[in-house]
Amino acid sequence: MSTFLFAVVSGILFGVFFSLMAIGLNFAFGVMKIVNLAHGDFVMLGAFGAYYALSTFGINPFATMIMEIVVFLVVGVGLYYGIIPRLLRSDDPEMLSLILFFGISQVIEALATLAFGTNPVTLPTNALGQLSFQLFGQAFESSWVISFLVSVVAIGLLYVYLYKTKMGIATRAIMANRDEAAASGIDVNRISAIAFGIALVLAAIAGTLTPFMLGGIYPSVGVNLTITSFSIIVIGSLGNPIGTVVGGLVYGLSLLLMQTYLSSWANMVPYVLLILILLIKPSGLLGKGARNA
């Protein structure tokens, strides 16, 4: 029983982290209906930023996280104005976004390989600090608990932004109907640019935590992170950022239970869950809620 409880609690800790990792991808899709296939690569860049800041300059990952928030917000806003309005004016923006961001993903991976090499790197587990945490007689990694808490705060702030601020209400109006939002006087481009910047900021925060939760990082890991993120948002509900939390918890619990009892099959979890959800409930577990957001 203690092994089962350890897997469940660990699954919740990892599930909330996975929710954070995926929620930026879902947020961008909900606002702009584009699929950012480079999402995992931005998570990877955030992870390498944390690694080199600590290993080269001795900068604490939390300080790096703050710097990355600013940098990724600026990059996201600039990237939006540079390419996304043109995408949205096309006949099929979703398909065109798949092609374009796949190309961006390949460019980022190639540049990261040239800059960082191909060998996996990681960070010491105590770099985030020490936090003793025991439950049901089991001790849990302090980095897991701290990453969980940071993820809860980041997701909570996104919720506050969406539901408690005027800009967030405007964002939700765009998510409901972009044309009607524009007709009502909302500056759709400005709100969407900020939303895309926030999506990359969430990826950067998740990236800073990734070495502590997933171990070694390397330039090509971005593809796997994108696949995992996409699986999570489909499980929860495509286009519903808050539904991503449900998807992340389902994924985290499934993964940790598989790693505990059938470890050799654990890598199949995202693909199996994705297929099952698409067959049973294609709109995701909270698909109906996404239409009312």
C-alpha atoms as a PDB file:
ATOM      1  CA  MET A   1       0.000   0.000   0.000  1.00  0.00           C
ATOM      2  CA  SER A   2       2.847   2.431   0.792  1.00  0.00           C
ATOM      3  CA  THR A   3       4.216   1.969  -2.728  1.00  0.00           C
ATOM      4  CA  PHE A   4       0.811   2.742  -4.213  1.00  0.00           C
ATOM      5  CA  LEU A   5       0.384   5.869  -2.075  1.00  0.00           C
ATOM      6  CA  PHE A   6       3.888   7.034  -3.006  1.00  0.00           C
ATOM      7  CA  ALA A   7       3.021   6.638  -6.693  1.00  0.00           C
ATOM      8  CA  VAL A   8      -0.258   8.535  -6.263  1.00  0.00           C
ATOM      9  CA  VAL A   9       1.271  11.484  -4.385  1.00  0.00           C
ATOM     10  CA  SER A  10       4.204  11.596  -6.802  1.00  0.00           C
ATOM     11  CA  GLY A  11       1.726  11.452  -9.682  1.00  0.00           C
ATOM     12  CA  ILE A  12      -0.075  14.510  -8.305  1.00  0.00           C
ATOM     13  CA  LEU A  13       3.209  16.415  -7.880  1.00  0.00           C
ATOM     14  CA  PHE A  14       4.294  15.554 -11.407  1.00  0.00           C
ATOM     15  CA  GLY A  15       0.780  16.042 -12.777  1.00  0.00           C
ATOM     16  CA  VAL A  16       0.625  19.678 -11.701  1.00  0.00           C
ATOM     17  CA  PHE A  17       4.092  20.268 -13.184  1.00  0.00           C
ATOM     18  CA  PHE A  18       2.988  18.667 -16.461  1.00  0.00           C
ATOM     19  CA  SER A  19      -0.086  20.913 -16.373  1.00  0.00           C
ATOM     20  CA  LEU A  20       2.179  23.945 -16.210  1.00  0.00           C
ATOM     21  CA  MET A  21       4.322  22.593 -19.034  1.00  0.00           C
ATOM     22  CA  ALA A  22       1.298  22.144 -21.313  1.00  0.00           C
ATOM     23  CA  ILE A  23      -0.915  25.063 -20.342  1.00  0.00           C
ATOM     24  CA  GLY A  24       0.939  27.647 -22.434  1.00  0.00           C
ATOM     25  CA  LEU A  25       0.412  25.559 -25.564  1.00  0.00           C
ATOM     26  CA  ASN A  26      -3.310  25.290 -24.822  1.00  0.00           C
ATOM     27  CA  PHE A  27      -3.575  28.986 -23.958  1.00  0.00           C
ATOM     28  CA  ALA A  28      -2.090  30.003 -27.321  1.00  0.00           C
ATOM     29  CA  PHE A  29      -4.445  27.646 -29.131  1.00  0.00           C
ATOM     30  CA  GLY A  30      -7.470  28.882 -27.201  1.00  0.00           C
ATOM     31  CA  VAL A  31      -6.788  32.517 -28.056  1.00  0.00           C
ATOM     32  CA  MET A  32      -5.443  32.233 -31.612  1.00  0.00           C
ATOM     33  CA  LYS A  33      -6.381  28.716 -32.791  1.00  0.00           C
ATOM     34  CA  ILE A  34      -2.771  28.039 -33.740  1.00  0.00           C
ATOM     35  CA  VAL A  35      -0.736  24.960 -32.841  1.00  0.00           C
ATOM     36  CA  ASN A  36       2.723  25.917 -31.622  1.00  0.00           C
ATOM     37  CA  LEU A  37       4.805  22.835 -32.438  1.00  0.00           C
ATOM     38  CA  ALA A  38       7.853  24.703 -31.128  1.00  0.00           C
ATOM     39  CA  HIS A  39       6.358  24.864 -27.622  1.00  0.00           C
ATOM     40  CA  GLY A  40       8.564  22.090 -26.250  1.00  0.00           C
ATOM     41  CA  ASP A  41      11.617  23.791 -27.737  1.00  0.00           C
ATOM     42  CA  PHE A  42      10.877  26.950 -25.766  1.00  0.00           C
ATOM     43  CA  VAL A  43      10.574  24.779 -22.640  1.00  0.00           C
ATOM     44  CA  MET A  44      13.969  23.286 -23.549  1.00  0.00           C
ATOM     45  CA  LEU A  45      15.484  26.767 -23.949  1.00  0.00           C
ATOM     46  CA  GLY A  46      14.163  27.727 -20.527  1.00  0.00           C
ATOM     47  CA  ALA A  47      15.793  24.627 -19.069  1.00  0.00           C
ATOM     48  CA  PHE A  48      19.158  25.367 -20.677  1.00  0.00           C
ATOM     49  CA  GLY A  49      18.906  28.947 -19.469  1.00  0.00           C
ATOM     50  CA  ALA A  50      18.568  27.707 -15.885  1.00  0.00           C
ATOM     51  CA  TYR A  51      21.432  25.248 -16.364  1.00  0.00           C
ATOM     52  CA  TYR A  52      23.942  27.722 -17.769  1.00  0.00           C
ATOM     53  CA  ALA A  53      22.969  30.517 -15.396  1.00  0.00           C
ATOM     54  CA  LEU A  54      23.710  28.255 -12.428  1.00  0.00           C
ATOM     55  CA  SER A  55      26.704  26.343 -13.778  1.00  0.00           C
ATOM     56  CA  THR A  56      28.460  29.370 -15.326  1.00  0.00           C
ATOM     57  CA  PHE A  57      27.462  32.329 -13.155  1.00  0.00           C
ATOM     58  CA  GLY A  58      26.093  30.676 -10.022  1.00  0.00           C
ATOM     59  CA  ILE A  59      22.696  32.334 -10.469  1.00  0.00           C
ATOM     60  CA  ASN A  60      19.894  30.688  -8.515  1.00  0.00           C
ATOM     61  CA  PRO A  61      17.182  29.094 -10.713  1.00  0.00           C
ATOM     62  CA  PHE A  62      14.531  31.356  -9.185  1.00  0.00           C
ATOM     63  CA  ALA A  63      16.489  34.457 -10.232  1.00  0.00           C
ATOM     64  CA  THR A  64      16.898  32.922 -13.689  1.00  0.00           C
ATOM     65  CA  MET A  65      13.172  32.298 -13.803  1.00  0.00           C
ATOM     66  CA  ILE A  66      12.444  35.986 -13.237  1.00  0.00           C
ATOM     67  CA  MET A  67      14.873  36.989 -15.993  1.00  0.00           C
ATOM     68  CA  GLU A  68      13.409  34.434 -18.375  1.00  0.00           C
ATOM     69  CA  ILE A  69       9.892  35.707 -17.696  1.00  0.00           C
ATOM     70  CA  VAL A  70      10.897  39.121 -19.027  1.00  0.00           C
ATOM     71  CA  VAL A  71      12.897  37.751 -21.978  1.00  0.00           C
ATOM     72  CA  PHE A  72      10.274  35.229 -23.105  1.00  0.00           C
ATOM     73  CA  LEU A  73       7.460  37.779 -22.771  1.00  0.00           C
ATOM     74  CA  VAL A  74       9.315  40.147 -25.113  1.00  0.00           C
ATOM     75  CA  VAL A  75      10.161  37.304 -27.514  1.00  0.00           C
ATOM     76  CA  GLY A  76       6.558  36.103 -27.503  1.00  0.00           C
ATOM     77  CA  VAL A  77       5.107  39.540 -28.238  1.00  0.00           C
ATOM     78  CA  GLY A  78       7.680  40.111 -30.992  1.00  0.00           C
ATOM     79  CA  LEU A  79       7.060  36.681 -32.490  1.00  0.00           C
ATOM     80  CA  TYR A  80       3.332  37.327 -32.510  1.00  0.00           C
ATOM     81  CA  TYR A  81       3.570  40.606 -34.388  1.00  0.00           C
ATOM     82  CA  GLY A  82       6.176  39.135 -36.733  1.00  0.00           C
ATOM     83  CA  ILE A  83       4.248  36.107 -37.984  1.00  0.00           C
ATOM     84  CA  ILE A  84       0.896  35.347 -36.389  1.00  0.00           C
ATOM     85  CA  PRO A  85      -1.349  38.086 -37.878  1.00  0.00           C
ATOM     86  CA  ARG A  86      -0.325  36.797 -41.324  1.00  0.00           C
ATOM     87  CA  LEU A  87      -1.205  33.258 -40.243  1.00  0.00           C
ATOM     88  CA  LEU A  88      -4.629  34.300 -39.008  1.00  0.00           C
ATOM     89  CA  ARG A  89      -5.432  35.977 -42.336  1.00  0.00           C
ATOM     90  CA  SER A  90      -4.790  32.729 -44.236  1.00  0.00           C
ATOM     91  CA  ASP A  91      -7.538  30.338 -45.333  1.00  0.00           C
ATOM     92  CA  ASP A  92      -6.369  27.591 -42.959  1.00  0.00           C
ATOM     93  CA  PRO A  93      -4.419  29.154 -40.059  1.00  0.00           C
ATOM     94  CA  GLU A  94      -4.339  25.951 -38.000  1.00  0.00           C
ATOM     95  CA  MET A  95      -2.673  23.893 -40.722  1.00  0.00           C
ATOM     96  CA  LEU A  96      -0.332  26.710 -41.698  1.00  0.00           C
ATOM     97  CA  SER A  97       0.667  27.173 -38.049  1.00  0.00           C
ATOM     98  CA  LEU A  98       1.555  23.463 -37.854  1.00  0.00           C
ATOM     99  CA  ILE A  99       3.911  23.824 -40.805  1.00  0.00           C
ATOM    100  CA  LEU A 100       5.429  27.139 -39.726  1.00  0.00           C
ATOM    101  CA  PHE A 101       6.034  26.239 -36.083  1.00  0.00           C
ATOM    102  CA  PHE A 102       7.405  22.851 -37.092  1.00  0.00           C
ATOM    103  CA  GLY A 103      10.016  24.784 -39.082  1.00  0.00           C
ATOM    104  CA  ILE A 104      10.692  27.086 -36.132  1.00  0.00           C
ATOM    105  CA  SER A 105      11.089  24.003 -33.928  1.00  0.00           C
ATOM    106  CA  GLN A 106      13.686  22.547 -36.278  1.00  0.00           C
ATOM    107  CA  VAL A 107      15.612  25.830 -36.390  1.00  0.00           C
ATOM    108  CA  ILE A 108      15.622  26.142 -32.592  1.00  0.00           C
ATOM    109  CA  GLU A 109      16.767  22.540 -32.178  1.00  0.00           C
ATOM    110  CA  ALA A 110      19.568  22.964 -34.733  1.00  0.00           C
ATOM    111  CA  LEU A 111      20.812  26.196 -33.138  1.00  0.00           C
ATOM    112  CA  ALA A 112      20.573  24.678 -29.657  1.00  0.00           C
ATOM    113  CA  THR A 113      22.602  21.659 -30.801  1.00  0.00           C
ATOM    114  CA  LEU A 114      25.312  23.965 -32.129  1.00  0.00           C
ATOM    115  CA  ALA A 115      25.288  25.998 -28.921  1.00  0.00           C
ATOM    116  CA  PHE A 116      24.876  23.298 -26.269  1.00  0.00           C
ATOM    117  CA  GLY A 117      26.003  20.045 -27.902  1.00  0.00           C
ATOM    118  CA  THR A 118      24.130  16.766 -27.749  1.00  0.00           C
ATOM    119  CA  ASN A 119      25.114  15.445 -24.325  1.00  0.00           C
ATOM    120  CA  PRO A 120      22.377  15.585 -21.659  1.00  0.00           C
ATOM    121  CA  VAL A 121      22.952  18.000 -18.784  1.00  0.00           C
ATOM    122  CA  THR A 122      21.165  18.319 -15.469  1.00  0.00           C
ATOM    123  CA  LEU A 123      21.154  20.355 -12.271  1.00  0.00           C
ATOM    124  CA  PRO A 124      21.687  19.278  -8.653  1.00  0.00           C
ATOM    125  CA  THR A 125      18.367  18.456  -7.021  1.00  0.00           C
ATOM    126  CA  ASN A 126      19.046  20.842  -4.113  1.00  0.00           C
ATOM    127  CA  ALA A 127      19.539  23.880  -6.385  1.00  0.00           C
ATOM    128  CA  LEU A 128      15.925  24.919  -5.737  1.00  0.00           C
ATOM    129  CA  GLY A 129      16.476  24.663  -1.989  1.00  0.00           C
ATOM    130  CA  GLN A 130      15.734  22.097   0.675  1.00  0.00           C
ATOM    131  CA  LEU A 131      12.184  21.413   1.785  1.00  0.00           C
ATOM    132  CA  SER A 132      11.480  18.379   3.919  1.00  0.00           C
ATOM    133  CA  PHE A 133       8.208  16.717   2.928  1.00  0.00           C
ATOM    134  CA  GLN A 134       6.863  13.446   4.236  1.00  0.00           C
ATOM    135  CA  LEU A 135       3.458  11.877   3.779  1.00  0.00           C
ATOM    136  CA  PHE A 136       2.219   8.384   4.653  1.00  0.00           C
ATOM    137  CA  GLY A 137       5.683   7.666   6.021  1.00  0.00           C
ATOM    138  CA  GLN A 138       7.303   8.369   2.638  1.00  0.00           C
ATOM    139  CA  ALA A 139       9.868  11.102   1.925  1.00  0.00           C
ATOM    140  CA  PHE A 140       9.557  13.047  -1.315  1.00  0.00           C
ATOM    141  CA  GLU A 141      12.227  14.943  -3.230  1.00  0.00           C
ATOM    142  CA  SER A 142      12.351  18.584  -2.170  1.00  0.00           C
ATOM    143  CA  SER A 143      12.736  19.643  -5.810  1.00  0.00           C
ATOM    144  CA  TRP A 144       9.481  17.844  -6.660  1.00  0.00           C
ATOM    145  CA  VAL A 145       7.586  19.659  -3.915  1.00  0.00           C
ATOM    146  CA  ILE A 146       9.045  23.069  -4.759  1.00  0.00           C
ATOM    147  CA  SER A 147       8.335  22.569  -8.466  1.00  0.00           C
ATOM    148  CA  PHE A 148       4.775  21.593  -7.551  1.00  0.00           C
ATOM    149  CA  LEU A 149       4.332  24.771  -5.490  1.00  0.00           C
ATOM    150  CA  VAL A 150       5.781  26.992  -8.229  1.00  0.00           C
ATOM    151  CA  SER A 151       3.488  25.308 -10.767  1.00  0.00           C
ATOM    152  CA  VAL A 152       0.434  25.898  -8.558  1.00  0.00           C
ATOM    153  CA  VAL A 153       1.326  29.592  -8.220  1.00  0.00           C
ATOM    154  CA  ALA A 154       1.926  30.030 -11.976  1.00  0.00           C
ATOM    155  CA  ILE A 155      -1.331  28.282 -12.930  1.00  0.00           C
ATOM    156  CA  GLY A 156      -3.177  30.221 -10.227  1.00  0.00           C
ATOM    157  CA  LEU A 157      -1.883  33.526 -11.600  1.00  0.00           C
ATOM    158  CA  LEU A 158      -3.071  32.558 -15.078  1.00  0.00           C
ATOM    159  CA  TYR A 159      -6.514  31.841 -13.614  1.00  0.00           C
ATOM    160  CA  VAL A 160      -6.524  35.238 -11.870  1.00  0.00           C
ATOM    161  CA  TYR A 161      -5.483  36.905 -15.127  1.00  0.00           C
ATOM    162  CA  LEU A 162      -8.245  35.208 -17.123  1.00  0.00           C
ATOM    163  CA  TYR A 163     -11.094  35.615 -14.657  1.00  0.00           C
ATOM    164  CA  LYS A 164     -10.260  38.589 -12.440  1.00  0.00           C
ATOM    165  CA  THR A 165      -8.731  41.223 -14.756  1.00  0.00           C
ATOM    166  CA  LYS A 166     -10.186  43.348 -17.564  1.00  0.00           C
ATOM    167  CA  MET A 167      -7.488  42.178 -19.953  1.00  0.00           C
ATOM    168  CA  GLY A 168      -8.256  38.585 -19.036  1.00  0.00           C
ATOM    169  CA  ILE A 169     -11.962  39.103 -19.693  1.00  0.00           C
ATOM    170  CA  ALA A 170     -11.037  40.536 -23.095  1.00  0.00           C
ATOM    171  CA  THR A 171      -8.841  37.488 -23.702  1.00  0.00           C
ATOM    172  CA  ARG A 172     -11.721  35.148 -22.915  1.00  0.00           C
ATOM    173  CA  ALA A 173     -13.944  37.128 -25.277  1.00  0.00           C
ATOM    174  CA  ILE A 174     -11.404  36.536 -28.043  1.00  0.00           C
ATOM    175  CA  MET A 175     -11.305  32.846 -27.142  1.00  0.00           C
ATOM    176  CA  ALA A 176     -15.096  32.686 -27.500  1.00  0.00           C
ATOM    177  CA  ASN A 177     -15.287  34.535 -30.821  1.00  0.00           C
ATOM    178  CA  ARG A 178     -12.429  36.553 -32.284  1.00  0.00           C
ATOM    179  CA  ASP A 179     -14.558  38.465 -34.821  1.00  0.00           C
ATOM    180  CA  GLU A 180     -17.221  39.448 -32.296  1.00  0.00           C
ATOM    181  CA  ALA A 181     -14.516  40.572 -29.854  1.00  0.00           C
ATOM    182  CA  ALA A 182     -13.016  42.830 -32.527  1.00  0.00           C
ATOM    183  CA  ALA A 183     -16.458  44.197 -33.421  1.00  0.00           C
ATOM    184  CA  SER A 184     -17.066  45.092 -29.763  1.00  0.00           C
ATOM    185  CA  GLY A 185     -13.990  47.324 -29.729  1.00  0.00           C
ATOM    186  CA  ILE A 186     -11.375  44.965 -28.201  1.00  0.00           C
ATOM    187  CA  ASP A 187      -7.857  45.458 -29.550  1.00  0.00           C
ATOM    188  CA  VAL A 188      -7.562  41.855 -30.670  1.00  0.00           C
ATOM    189  CA  ASN A 189      -3.954  42.048 -31.840  1.00  0.00           C
ATOM    190  CA  ARG A 190      -2.656  43.658 -28.646  1.00  0.00           C
ATOM    191  CA  ILE A 191      -4.483  41.196 -26.376  1.00  0.00           C
ATOM    192  CA  SER A 192      -3.400  38.236 -28.527  1.00  0.00           C
ATOM    193  CA  ALA A 193       0.229  39.402 -28.537  1.00  0.00           C
ATOM    194  CA  ILE A 194       0.237  39.581 -24.746  1.00  0.00           C
ATOM    195  CA  ALA A 195      -1.437  36.156 -24.597  1.00  0.00           C
ATOM    196  CA  PHE A 196       1.245  34.632 -26.816  1.00  0.00           C
ATOM    197  CA  GLY A 197       3.910  36.246 -24.644  1.00  0.00           C
ATOM    198  CA  ILE A 198       2.267  34.756 -21.537  1.00  0.00           C
ATOM    199  CA  ALA A 199       2.189  31.350 -23.246  1.00  0.00           C
ATOM    200  CA  LEU A 200       5.968  31.498 -23.743  1.00  0.00           C
ATOM    201  CA  VAL A 201       6.459  32.780 -20.190  1.00  0.00           C
ATOM    202  CA  LEU A 202       4.640  29.692 -18.875  1.00  0.00           C
ATOM    203  CA  ALA A 203       6.910  27.551 -21.063  1.00  0.00           C
ATOM    204  CA  ALA A 204       9.965  29.317 -19.612  1.00  0.00           C
ATOM    205  CA  ILE A 205       8.826  28.731 -16.016  1.00  0.00           C
ATOM    206  CA  ALA A 206       8.215  25.061 -16.782  1.00  0.00           C
ATOM    207  CA  GLY A 207      11.604  24.907 -18.488  1.00  0.00           C
ATOM    208  CA  THR A 208      13.364  26.187 -15.384  1.00  0.00           C
ATOM    209  CA  LEU A 209      11.794  23.353 -13.403  1.00  0.00           C
ATOM    210  CA  THR A 210      12.282  20.652 -16.046  1.00  0.00           C
ATOM    211  CA  PRO A 211      15.844  19.573 -15.076  1.00  0.00           C
ATOM    212  CA  PHE A 212      14.619  18.901 -11.546  1.00  0.00           C
ATOM    213  CA  MET A 213      11.523  16.971 -12.588  1.00  0.00           C
ATOM    214  CA  LEU A 214      12.616  15.122 -15.719  1.00  0.00           C
ATOM    215  CA  GLY A 215      16.382  14.821 -15.267  1.00  0.00           C
ATOM    216  CA  GLY A 216      18.761  15.302 -18.186  1.00  0.00           C
ATOM    217  CA  ILE A 217      17.955  17.891 -20.858  1.00  0.00           C
ATOM    218  CA  TYR A 218      19.309  18.037 -24.418  1.00  0.00           C
ATOM    219  CA  PRO A 219      18.394  20.029 -27.563  1.00  0.00           C
ATOM    220  CA  SER A 220      16.193  17.366 -29.175  1.00  0.00           C
ATOM    221  CA  VAL A 221      14.091  16.868 -26.019  1.00  0.00           C
ATOM    222  CA  GLY A 222      11.784  19.637 -27.205  1.00  0.00           C
ATOM    223  CA  VAL A 223       9.977  17.275 -29.572  1.00  0.00           C
ATOM    224  CA  ASN A 224       9.129  14.878 -26.739  1.00  0.00           C
ATOM    225  CA  LEU A 225       7.985  17.758 -24.529  1.00  0.00           C
ATOM    226  CA  THR A 226       5.695  19.028 -27.282  1.00  0.00           C
ATOM    227  CA  ILE A 227       4.177  15.561 -27.764  1.00  0.00           C
ATOM    228  CA  THR A 228       3.620  15.222 -24.029  1.00  0.00           C
ATOM    229  CA  SER A 229       2.086  18.711 -23.806  1.00  0.00           C
ATOM    230  CA  PHE A 230      -0.209  18.060 -26.760  1.00  0.00           C
ATOM    231  CA  SER A 231      -1.358  14.760 -25.231  1.00  0.00           C
ATOM    232  CA  ILE A 232      -2.155  16.520 -21.962  1.00  0.00           C
ATOM    233  CA  ILE A 233      -4.223  19.293 -23.519  1.00  0.00           C
ATOM    234  CA  VAL A 234      -6.183  16.809 -25.636  1.00  0.00           C
ATOM    235  CA  ILE A 235      -6.920  14.761 -22.506  1.00  0.00           C
ATOM    236  CA  GLY A 236      -8.212  17.856 -20.680  1.00  0.00           C
ATOM    237  CA  SER A 237      -9.751  19.848 -23.504  1.00  0.00           C
ATOM    238  CA  LEU A 238      -8.201  21.541 -26.505  1.00  0.00           C
ATOM    239  CA  GLY A 239      -8.696  25.294 -26.199  1.00  0.00           C
ATOM    240  CA  ASN A 240      -9.558  25.283 -22.479  1.00  0.00           C
ATOM    241  CA  PRO A 241      -6.411  26.285 -20.521  1.00  0.00           C
ATOM    242  CA  ILE A 242      -7.847  25.455 -17.101  1.00  0.00           C
ATOM    243  CA  GLY A 243      -8.874  22.011 -18.377  1.00  0.00           C
ATOM    244  CA  THR A 244      -5.163  21.373 -18.881  1.00  0.00           C
ATOM    245  CA  VAL A 245      -4.854  20.856 -15.125  1.00  0.00           C
ATOM    246  CA  VAL A 246      -7.187  17.868 -15.352  1.00  0.00           C
ATOM    247  CA  GLY A 247      -5.209  16.498 -18.281  1.00  0.00           C
ATOM    248  CA  GLY A 248      -1.934  16.986 -16.428  1.00  0.00           C
ATOM    249  CA  LEU A 249      -3.171  15.178 -13.334  1.00  0.00           C
ATOM    250  CA  VAL A 250      -4.502  12.259 -15.387  1.00  0.00           C
ATOM    251  CA  TYR A 251      -1.222  12.055 -17.246  1.00  0.00           C
ATOM    252  CA  GLY A 252       0.954  12.400 -14.122  1.00  0.00           C
ATOM    253  CA  LEU A 253      -0.938   9.759 -12.178  1.00  0.00           C
ATOM    254  CA  SER A 254      -0.954   7.360 -15.125  1.00  0.00           C
ATOM    255  CA  LEU A 255       2.759   7.846 -15.744  1.00  0.00           C
ATOM    256  CA  LEU A 256       3.849   7.347 -12.145  1.00  0.00           C
ATOM    257  CA  LEU A 257       1.637   4.310 -11.659  1.00  0.00           C
ATOM    258  CA  MET A 258       3.051   2.794 -14.848  1.00  0.00           C
ATOM    259  CA  GLN A 259       6.620   3.585 -13.784  1.00  0.00           C
ATOM    260  CA  THR A 260       5.928   1.945 -10.424  1.00  0.00           C
ATOM    261  CA  TYR A 261       4.273  -1.247 -11.629  1.00  0.00           C
ATOM    262  CA  LEU A 262       5.091  -1.594 -15.361  1.00  0.00           C
ATOM    263  CA  SER A 263       8.140   0.591 -15.886  1.00  0.00           C
ATOM    264  CA  SER A 264       9.040  -0.875 -19.277  1.00  0.00           C
ATOM    265  CA  TRP A 265       5.715   0.395 -20.666  1.00  0.00           C
ATOM    266  CA  ALA A 266       5.826   3.876 -19.122  1.00  0.00           C
ATOM    267  CA  ASN A 267       7.038   5.637 -22.295  1.00  0.00           C
ATOM    268  CA  MET A 268       3.833   4.594 -24.032  1.00  0.00           C
ATOM    269  CA  VAL A 269       1.603   6.503 -21.597  1.00  0.00           C
ATOM    270  CA  PRO A 270       1.143   9.755 -23.602  1.00  0.00           C
ATOM    271  CA  TYR A 271       0.366   7.899 -26.812  1.00  0.00           C
ATOM    272  CA  VAL A 272      -2.036   5.402 -25.228  1.00  0.00           C
ATOM    273  CA  LEU A 273      -3.894   8.130 -23.323  1.00  0.00           C
ATOM    274  CA  LEU A 274      -4.103  10.278 -26.446  1.00  0.00           C
ATOM    275  CA  ILE A 275      -5.579   7.429 -28.509  1.00  0.00           C
ATOM    276  CA  LEU A 276      -8.061   6.441 -25.793  1.00  0.00           C
ATOM    277  CA  ILE A 277      -9.328   9.988 -25.288  1.00  0.00           C
ATOM    278  CA  LEU A 278      -9.678  10.577 -29.026  1.00  0.00           C
ATOM    279  CA  LEU A 279     -11.675   7.351 -29.359  1.00  0.00           C
ATOM    280  CA  ILE A 280     -13.866   7.776 -26.280  1.00  0.00           C
ATOM    281  CA  LYS A 281     -14.325  11.564 -25.989  1.00  0.00           C
ATOM    282  CA  PRO A 282     -12.637  13.476 -28.837  1.00  0.00           C
ATOM    283  CA  SER A 283     -13.436  16.866 -27.264  1.00  0.00           C
ATOM    284  CA  GLY A 284     -11.461  15.981 -24.130  1.00  0.00           C
ATOM    285  CA  LEU A 285     -12.624  15.340 -20.568  1.00  0.00           C
ATOM    286  CA  LEU A 286     -13.776  18.954 -20.183  1.00  0.00           C
ATOM    287  CA  GLY A 287     -14.681  19.520 -23.817  1.00  0.00           C
ATOM    288  CA  LYS A 288     -18.157  20.848 -23.057  1.00  0.00           C
ATOM    289  CA  GLY A 289     -16.735  23.367 -20.589  1.00  0.00           C
ATOM    290  CA  ALA A 290     -14.355  24.643 -23.228  1.00  0.00           C
ATOM    291  CA  ARG A 291     -17.287  25.848 -25.322  1.00  0.00           C
ATOM    292  CA  ASN A 292     -18.638  27.871 -22.435  1.00  0.00           C
ATOM    293  CA  ALA A 293     -15.338  29.461 -21.422  1.00  0.00           C
END
